[in-house]
Amino acid sequence: MSQSLVDDPAEAALGLARPVEAGSGSGSEPGRRVDVRRLLRFVVRRPGLLLSIVVLVLVVLASFWPDLFTSQDPLKGVPSQNFRGPSGSHWFGTDELGRDVFSRVVHGAQLSLKATLIAVLVAFVVGGLLGVVAGFVGRWVDDVLMRFVDVLLSIPALFMSLALVTALGYGTVKVAVAVGIASVASFARVARAEVLRVRQAVFVEASRASGTRWYSVLGRHVLPNAAGPVIVLATLDFGSSILAVSALSFLGYGAPPPAPEWGTLISDGRNYLANAWWLTALPGLAIAATVLATNRVARALDGEWSRQP
């Protein structure tokens, strides 16, 4: 049995009502399969993007299931095997206490990724909320919030993170919160710009003219259509947050030793660069690979996918 449904008054105002048949969910399956094939073709044609996705998948797996990659204890050292170079038994060598560096990098991914996710979430929620309120409400609310955002933008992010983590105290979560607050301004700016763009669209004006309440307009039209660029910014900010969290850990603000945070590993290894280069180079390579992979995926989401026929 078929019935004509209008999902929203805005669609009725624009003449966009279309029949929807009950039980016609299978009709969308061909389009879904086409989208999957298009996605696979898009990824396969870009070896760099495919490699970046593989790197990110490995980092996520290492964060949640480190035992998949190593069975060695990252905190247990064998003094007789200290300063061993990379080999088959120790892929990243050993440190000054005989601890396996590869194991410490793998287990350190959990701490670094946890801090990065918290930082991105704080920036996304707080910055996105400020931008949505400023763009949707407008008037003096927009002026006040944007002046506050301008003040945040005038302070370098790393300096602000240092000031905040000094006030909050040491620790992985506090470092993550400090990095997230330092990134709020960029999210607020992007969210506000997208809300202003969508708010002036024809379908939003039609929805308002038809008497739809403001919270329905915001939830059904503005937020879904403004979220894309903010999500892409979150992907880009993921790489920047890894660098910021690692930098603060390098300076000693992260988890206390012997926690194997990536920044802490580099800091500990800098004293032995002359005779044990791998203590700094290989953890640094892990950070660089993760950041570059994140940026490559974000670039694909930002423009390459939308330009595909």
Foldseek 3Di string as FASTA:
>chain_A
DKDWDDPALLCVLVVNTDIDGPPCPVVCVVVVVVVVVVVVVLQVVDVLLVVLVVLVVLLVCLQVPVVVPDDFDQPDADQVQALAPADPVQNLGHHNRRGRLVSLLSPQSNLLLVLLVLLLVLLQVLLLVLQLCLQLVPDVSVVVSLVVLVVLVVDDLLVQLVVQLVVVAFESNSSSNSSNVSNNSVLSVLNNVQLNVQCPDSSLVSRVVSPHDPVCSCVVGRCVRSCQVSVLVSLLVSLVSSVSSLVCVLVPRYDDPPRSHLNVQLNVCVVPCVRRVSSNVVSVVSSVSNSVSSVVVSVCSPPVVVPDD
